[in-house]
C-alpha atoms as a PDB file:
ATOM      1  CA  GLU A   1      -8.497   8.895  -6.802  1.00  0.00           C
ATOM      2  CA  THR A   2     -11.879   6.782  -7.410  1.00  0.00           C
ATOM      3  CA  ILE A   3     -11.846   3.009  -8.199  1.00  0.00           C
ATOM      4  CA  GLN A   4     -14.677   2.459 -10.797  1.00  0.00           C
ATOM      5  CA  ALA A   5     -16.486  -0.885 -11.456  1.00  0.00           C
ATOM      6  CA  ASP A   6     -16.004  -2.508 -14.647  1.00  0.00           C
ATOM      7  CA  SER A   7     -19.567  -3.355 -14.576  1.00  0.00           C
ATOM      8  CA  GLY A   8     -22.456  -3.248 -11.787  1.00  0.00           C
ATOM      9  CA  SER A   9     -22.046  -1.099  -8.882  1.00  0.00           C
ATOM     10  CA  ILE A  10     -20.100  -0.882  -5.670  1.00  0.00           C
ATOM     11  CA  LYS A  11     -21.890   0.164  -2.368  1.00  0.00           C
ATOM     12  CA  TRP A  12     -19.313   1.551   0.213  1.00  0.00           C
ATOM     13  CA  PRO A  13     -19.989   1.841   3.881  1.00  0.00           C
ATOM     14  CA  GLU A  14     -21.125   5.371   4.884  1.00  0.00           C
ATOM     15  CA  HIS A  15     -17.730   5.975   6.667  1.00  0.00           C
ATOM     16  CA  ALA A  16     -15.433   4.232   4.091  1.00  0.00           C
ATOM     17  CA  ASN A  17     -11.985   5.941   3.832  1.00  0.00           C
ATOM     18  CA  ILE A  18     -10.303   4.347   0.697  1.00  0.00           C
ATOM     19  CA  ALA A  19      -6.764   4.448  -0.120  1.00  0.00           C
ATOM     20  CA  TYR A  20      -5.257   2.847  -3.387  1.00  0.00           C
ATOM     21  CA  PHE A  21      -1.455   2.026  -3.767  1.00  0.00           C
ATOM     22  CA  LYS A  22      -0.954   1.736  -7.714  1.00  0.00           C
ATOM     23  CA  GLN A  23       1.630  -0.410  -9.186  1.00  0.00           C
ATOM     24  CA  ASP A  24       2.762   2.745 -11.236  1.00  0.00           C
ATOM     25  CA  ASN A  25       2.933   5.711  -9.073  1.00  0.00           C
ATOM     26  CA  MET A  26       5.326   7.792 -11.059  1.00  0.00           C
ATOM     27  CA  ALA A  27       2.826  10.436 -11.992  1.00  0.00           C
ATOM     28  CA  GLU A  28       2.639  11.179  -8.386  1.00  0.00           C
ATOM     29  CA  PHE A  29       6.129  12.634  -8.101  1.00  0.00           C
ATOM     30  CA  LYS A  30       6.282  15.253 -10.936  1.00  0.00           C
ATOM     31  CA  GLU A  31       6.469  18.405  -8.587  1.00  0.00           C
ATOM     32  CA  ASN A  32      10.007  19.755  -8.078  1.00  0.00           C
ATOM     33  CA  ILE A  33       9.799  19.570  -4.152  1.00  0.00           C
ATOM     34  CA  SER A  34      11.277  17.791  -1.249  1.00  0.00           C
ATOM     35  CA  ALA A  35      10.133  14.484  -0.191  1.00  0.00           C
ATOM     36  CA  PHE A  36       9.181  16.171   3.236  1.00  0.00           C
ATOM     37  CA  ASP A  37       7.177  18.830   1.308  1.00  0.00           C
ATOM     38  CA  TRP A  38       5.481  16.292  -0.775  1.00  0.00           C
ATOM     39  CA  MET A  39       4.534  14.222   2.391  1.00  0.00           C
ATOM     40  CA  MET A  40       3.186  17.424   4.240  1.00  0.00           C
ATOM     41  CA  GLN A  41       0.396  17.877   1.563  1.00  0.00           C
ATOM     42  CA  TRP A  42      -1.163  14.686   2.589  1.00  0.00           C
ATOM     43  CA  LYS A  43      -1.330  15.220   6.152  1.00  0.00           C
ATOM     44  CA  LYS A  44      -4.803  15.467   7.842  1.00  0.00           C
ATOM     45  CA  PRO A  45      -5.543  18.959   9.670  1.00  0.00           C
ATOM     46  CA  GLU A  46      -4.932  17.396  13.213  1.00  0.00           C
ATOM     47  CA  ASP A  47      -1.116  16.137  12.001  1.00  0.00           C
ATOM     48  CA  ASP A  48       1.652  18.437  12.603  1.00  0.00           C
ATOM     49  CA  GLU A  49       5.115  18.355  11.134  1.00  0.00           C
ATOM     50  CA  GLN A  50       6.375  15.801  13.732  1.00  0.00           C
ATOM     51  CA  ALA A  51       3.529  13.505  12.707  1.00  0.00           C
ATOM     52  CA  VAL A  52       4.893  13.568   9.151  1.00  0.00           C
ATOM     53  CA  ARG A  53       8.477  13.197  10.336  1.00  0.00           C
ATOM     54  CA  SER A  54       7.409  10.136  12.317  1.00  0.00           C
ATOM     55  CA  VAL A  55       5.748   8.604   9.394  1.00  0.00           C
ATOM     56  CA  MET A  56       8.837   9.198   7.186  1.00  0.00           C
ATOM     57  CA  GLY A  57      11.047   7.800  10.010  1.00  0.00           C
ATOM     58  CA  ARG A  58       9.005   4.578  10.239  1.00  0.00           C
ATOM     59  CA  LEU A  59       9.515   4.452   6.452  1.00  0.00           C
ATOM     60  CA  LEU A  60      13.307   4.551   6.932  1.00  0.00           C
ATOM     61  CA  PHE A  61      13.846   7.828   5.692  1.00  0.00           C
ATOM     62  CA  SER A  62      16.510   9.825   7.519  1.00  0.00           C
ATOM     63  CA  LYS A  63      16.268  13.552   8.100  1.00  0.00           C
ATOM     64  CA  GLU A  64      18.743  14.028   4.862  1.00  0.00           C
ATOM     65  CA  ASP A  65      16.654  11.631   2.913  1.00  0.00           C
ATOM     66  CA  SER A  66      13.541  13.761   3.733  1.00  0.00           C
ATOM     67  CA  LYS A  67      15.373  16.829   1.982  1.00  0.00           C
ATOM     68  CA  LYS A  68      15.937  15.100  -1.160  1.00  0.00           C
ATOM     69  CA  LYS A  69      14.116  16.420  -4.387  1.00  0.00           C
ATOM     70  CA  LEU A  70      11.335  13.936  -5.696  1.00  0.00           C
ATOM     71  CA  ASN A  71      13.298  13.628  -9.118  1.00  0.00           C
ATOM     72  CA  VAL A  72      16.213  11.922  -7.356  1.00  0.00           C
ATOM     73  CA  LEU A  73      14.125   9.334  -5.468  1.00  0.00           C
ATOM     74  CA  SER A  74      14.697   5.745  -6.316  1.00  0.00           C
ATOM     75  CA  GLY A  75      11.640   3.433  -7.387  1.00  0.00           C
ATOM     76  CA  GLY A  76      11.823   1.986  -3.879  1.00  0.00           C
ATOM     77  CA  GLU A  77      11.863   5.319  -2.114  1.00  0.00           C
ATOM     78  CA  LYS A  78       8.957   6.335  -4.196  1.00  0.00           C
ATOM     79  CA  GLY A  79       6.989   3.272  -3.286  1.00  0.00           C
ATOM     80  CA  ARG A  80       7.792   4.107   0.526  1.00  0.00           C
ATOM     81  CA  MET A  81       6.647   7.587  -0.070  1.00  0.00           C
ATOM     82  CA  MET A  82       3.362   6.194  -1.271  1.00  0.00           C
ATOM     83  CA  PHE A  83       2.916   4.195   1.875  1.00  0.00           C
ATOM     84  CA  GLY A  84       3.545   7.247   3.760  1.00  0.00           C
ATOM     85  CA  LYS A  85       0.850   9.025   1.986  1.00  0.00           C
ATOM     86  CA  ILE A  86      -1.480   6.075   2.709  1.00  0.00           C
ATOM     87  CA  MET A  87      -0.445   6.055   6.466  1.00  0.00           C
ATOM     88  CA  LEU A  88      -1.425   9.768   6.775  1.00  0.00           C
ATOM     89  CA  GLN A  89      -4.627   9.220   5.015  1.00  0.00           C
ATOM     90  CA  LYS A  90      -5.498   6.525   7.730  1.00  0.00           C
ATOM     91  CA  PRO A  91      -7.806   4.595   5.402  1.00  0.00           C
ATOM     92  CA  ASN A  92      -9.970   1.796   6.572  1.00  0.00           C
ATOM     93  CA  ILE A  93     -10.021   0.158   3.013  1.00  0.00           C
ATOM     94  CA  LEU A  94      -6.839  -0.231   1.213  1.00  0.00           C
ATOM     95  CA  PHE A  95      -6.282  -1.494  -2.317  1.00  0.00           C
ATOM     96  CA  MET A  96      -2.760  -2.422  -3.395  1.00  0.00           C
ATOM     97  CA  ASP A  97      -1.558  -3.389  -6.787  1.00  0.00           C
ATOM     98  CA  GLU A  98       1.816  -5.301  -6.513  1.00  0.00           C
ATOM     99  CA  PRO A  99       3.125  -3.485  -3.434  1.00  0.00           C
ATOM    100  CA  THR A 100       6.392  -5.012  -3.103  1.00  0.00           C
ATOM    101  CA  ASN A 101       7.647  -4.083  -6.505  1.00  0.00           C
ATOM    102  CA  HIS A 102      10.934  -1.871  -6.156  1.00  0.00           C
ATOM    103  CA  LEU A 103      11.133  -2.526  -2.469  1.00  0.00           C
ATOM    104  CA  ASP A 104      14.206  -3.981  -0.910  1.00  0.00           C
ATOM    105  CA  MET A 105      13.868  -6.800   1.671  1.00  0.00           C
ATOM    106  CA  GLU A 106      14.097  -4.552   4.797  1.00  0.00           C
ATOM    107  CA  SER A 107      11.225  -2.319   3.174  1.00  0.00           C
ATOM    108  CA  ILE A 108       9.207  -5.480   2.475  1.00  0.00           C
ATOM    109  CA  GLU A 109       9.539  -6.724   6.126  1.00  0.00           C
ATOM    110  CA  SER A 110       8.437  -3.420   7.524  1.00  0.00           C
ATOM    111  CA  LEU A 111       5.342  -3.455   5.097  1.00  0.00           C
ATOM    112  CA  ASN A 112       4.575  -7.013   6.149  1.00  0.00           C
ATOM    113  CA  LEU A 113       4.728  -5.828   9.967  1.00  0.00           C
ATOM    114  CA  ALA A 114       2.612  -2.733   9.162  1.00  0.00           C
ATOM    115  CA  LEU A 115      -0.096  -4.759   7.283  1.00  0.00           C
ATOM    116  CA  GLU A 116      -0.025  -7.574   9.832  1.00  0.00           C
ATOM    117  CA  ASN A 117      -1.280  -4.860  12.346  1.00  0.00           C
ATOM    118  CA  TYR A 118      -3.648  -3.104  10.099  1.00  0.00           C
ATOM    119  CA  GLU A 119      -7.190  -3.088  11.391  1.00  0.00           C
ATOM    120  CA  GLY A 120      -9.061  -2.149   8.142  1.00  0.00           C
ATOM    121  CA  THR A 121      -9.938  -4.146   5.143  1.00  0.00           C
ATOM    122  CA  LEU A 122      -6.889  -5.012   2.716  1.00  0.00           C
ATOM    123  CA  ILE A 123      -7.538  -6.065  -0.950  1.00  0.00           C
ATOM    124  CA  PHE A 124      -4.326  -6.679  -2.856  1.00  0.00           C
ATOM    125  CA  VAL A 125      -2.832  -8.189  -5.955  1.00  0.00           C
ATOM    126  CA  SER A 126       0.824  -9.610  -5.773  1.00  0.00           C
ATOM    127  CA  HIS A 127       3.121 -12.168  -7.574  1.00  0.00           C
ATOM    128  CA  ASP A 128       5.226 -12.123  -4.441  1.00  0.00           C
ATOM    129  CA  ARG A 129       4.381 -15.497  -3.046  1.00  0.00           C
ATOM    130  CA  GLN A 130       6.150 -14.747   0.300  1.00  0.00           C
ATOM    131  CA  PHE A 131       4.337 -11.579   0.707  1.00  0.00           C
ATOM    132  CA  VAL A 132       0.843 -13.246  -0.018  1.00  0.00           C
ATOM    133  CA  SER A 133       1.748 -16.070   2.534  1.00  0.00           C
ATOM    134  CA  SER A 134       2.407 -13.630   5.063  1.00  0.00           C
ATOM    135  CA  ILE A 135      -0.594 -11.572   4.720  1.00  0.00           C
ATOM    136  CA  ALA A 136      -3.449 -13.121   2.964  1.00  0.00           C
ATOM    137  CA  THR A 137      -6.455 -14.555   4.971  1.00  0.00           C
ATOM    138  CA  ARG A 138      -8.844 -15.110   2.017  1.00  0.00           C
ATOM    139  CA  VAL A 139      -7.783 -15.520  -1.703  1.00  0.00           C
ATOM    140  CA  LEU A 140     -10.105 -14.774  -4.443  1.00  0.00           C
ATOM    141  CA  GLU A 141      -8.699 -16.822  -7.494  1.00  0.00           C
ATOM    142  CA  LEU A 142      -9.859 -15.484 -11.019  1.00  0.00           C
ATOM    143  CA  GLN A 143     -10.577 -18.076 -13.800  1.00  0.00           C
ATOM    144  CA  GLU A 144     -11.960 -17.436 -17.168  1.00  0.00           C
ATOM    145  CA  GLY A 145     -14.120 -14.443 -15.945  1.00  0.00           C
ATOM    146  CA  GLN A 146     -15.287 -16.037 -12.820  1.00  0.00           C
ATOM    147  CA  TYR A 147     -13.819 -16.044  -9.398  1.00  0.00           C
ATOM    148  CA  ILE A 148     -13.404 -18.785  -6.663  1.00  0.00           C
ATOM    149  CA  ASP A 149     -13.421 -17.583  -3.043  1.00  0.00           C
ATOM    150  CA  HIS A 150     -11.001 -19.500  -0.859  1.00  0.00           C
ATOM    151  CA  ARG A 151     -11.567 -18.715   2.665  1.00  0.00           C
ATOM    152  CA  GLY A 152      -8.216 -19.187   4.565  1.00  0.00           C
ATOM    153  CA  THR A 153      -4.548 -18.511   3.914  1.00  0.00           C
ATOM    154  CA  TYR A 154      -2.581 -18.895   0.819  1.00  0.00           C
ATOM    155  CA  GLU A 155      -0.687 -21.742   2.407  1.00  0.00           C
ATOM    156  CA  GLU A 156      -4.173 -23.629   3.041  1.00  0.00           C
ATOM    157  CA  LEU A 157      -5.072 -23.084  -0.388  1.00  0.00           C
ATOM    158  CA  LEU A 158      -1.854 -24.642  -1.766  1.00  0.00           C
ATOM    159  CA  ALA A 159      -2.255 -27.628   0.590  1.00  0.00           C
ATOM    160  CA  LYS A 160      -5.824 -28.075  -0.509  1.00  0.00           C
ATOM    161  CA  GLN A 161      -4.708 -28.218  -4.120  1.00  0.00           C
ATOM    162  CA  GLY A 162      -1.916 -30.617  -3.222  1.00  0.00           C
ATOM    163  CA  VAL A 163       0.922 -28.062  -4.026  1.00  0.00           C
END
């Protein structure tokens, strides 16, 4: 899926590999297949079944969980599946819209750890203050159609504002 600009244009680097985590990802799970089969469709040609199983394991899916049909997965499981899809895509630019919605604490901690080690560009929107505090190294604040670029962490921004 391509992200379109509301106005102006976006010029991506030549080797940009972009992934997007949508806030509402339910449309992704309409097929009547297993979680494992769904994940297999996103693997790169160089990935084998074991690579897909490894990604699912890192996302806390057991072997039994991987056999579940998509229609019985919880919102949190579907969110984790979307992260698996992204991991298999190996993007160097990642957009995320409210990535912690529907995730339990253990999943959020795993996501934090993965993103702390992510070497690409990460752009996200979140109302989860703890998540923002643990990940953000630059904050774009939107006000009345304009933006303010705060270079530094969310905690540094709050301290500057006296909060």
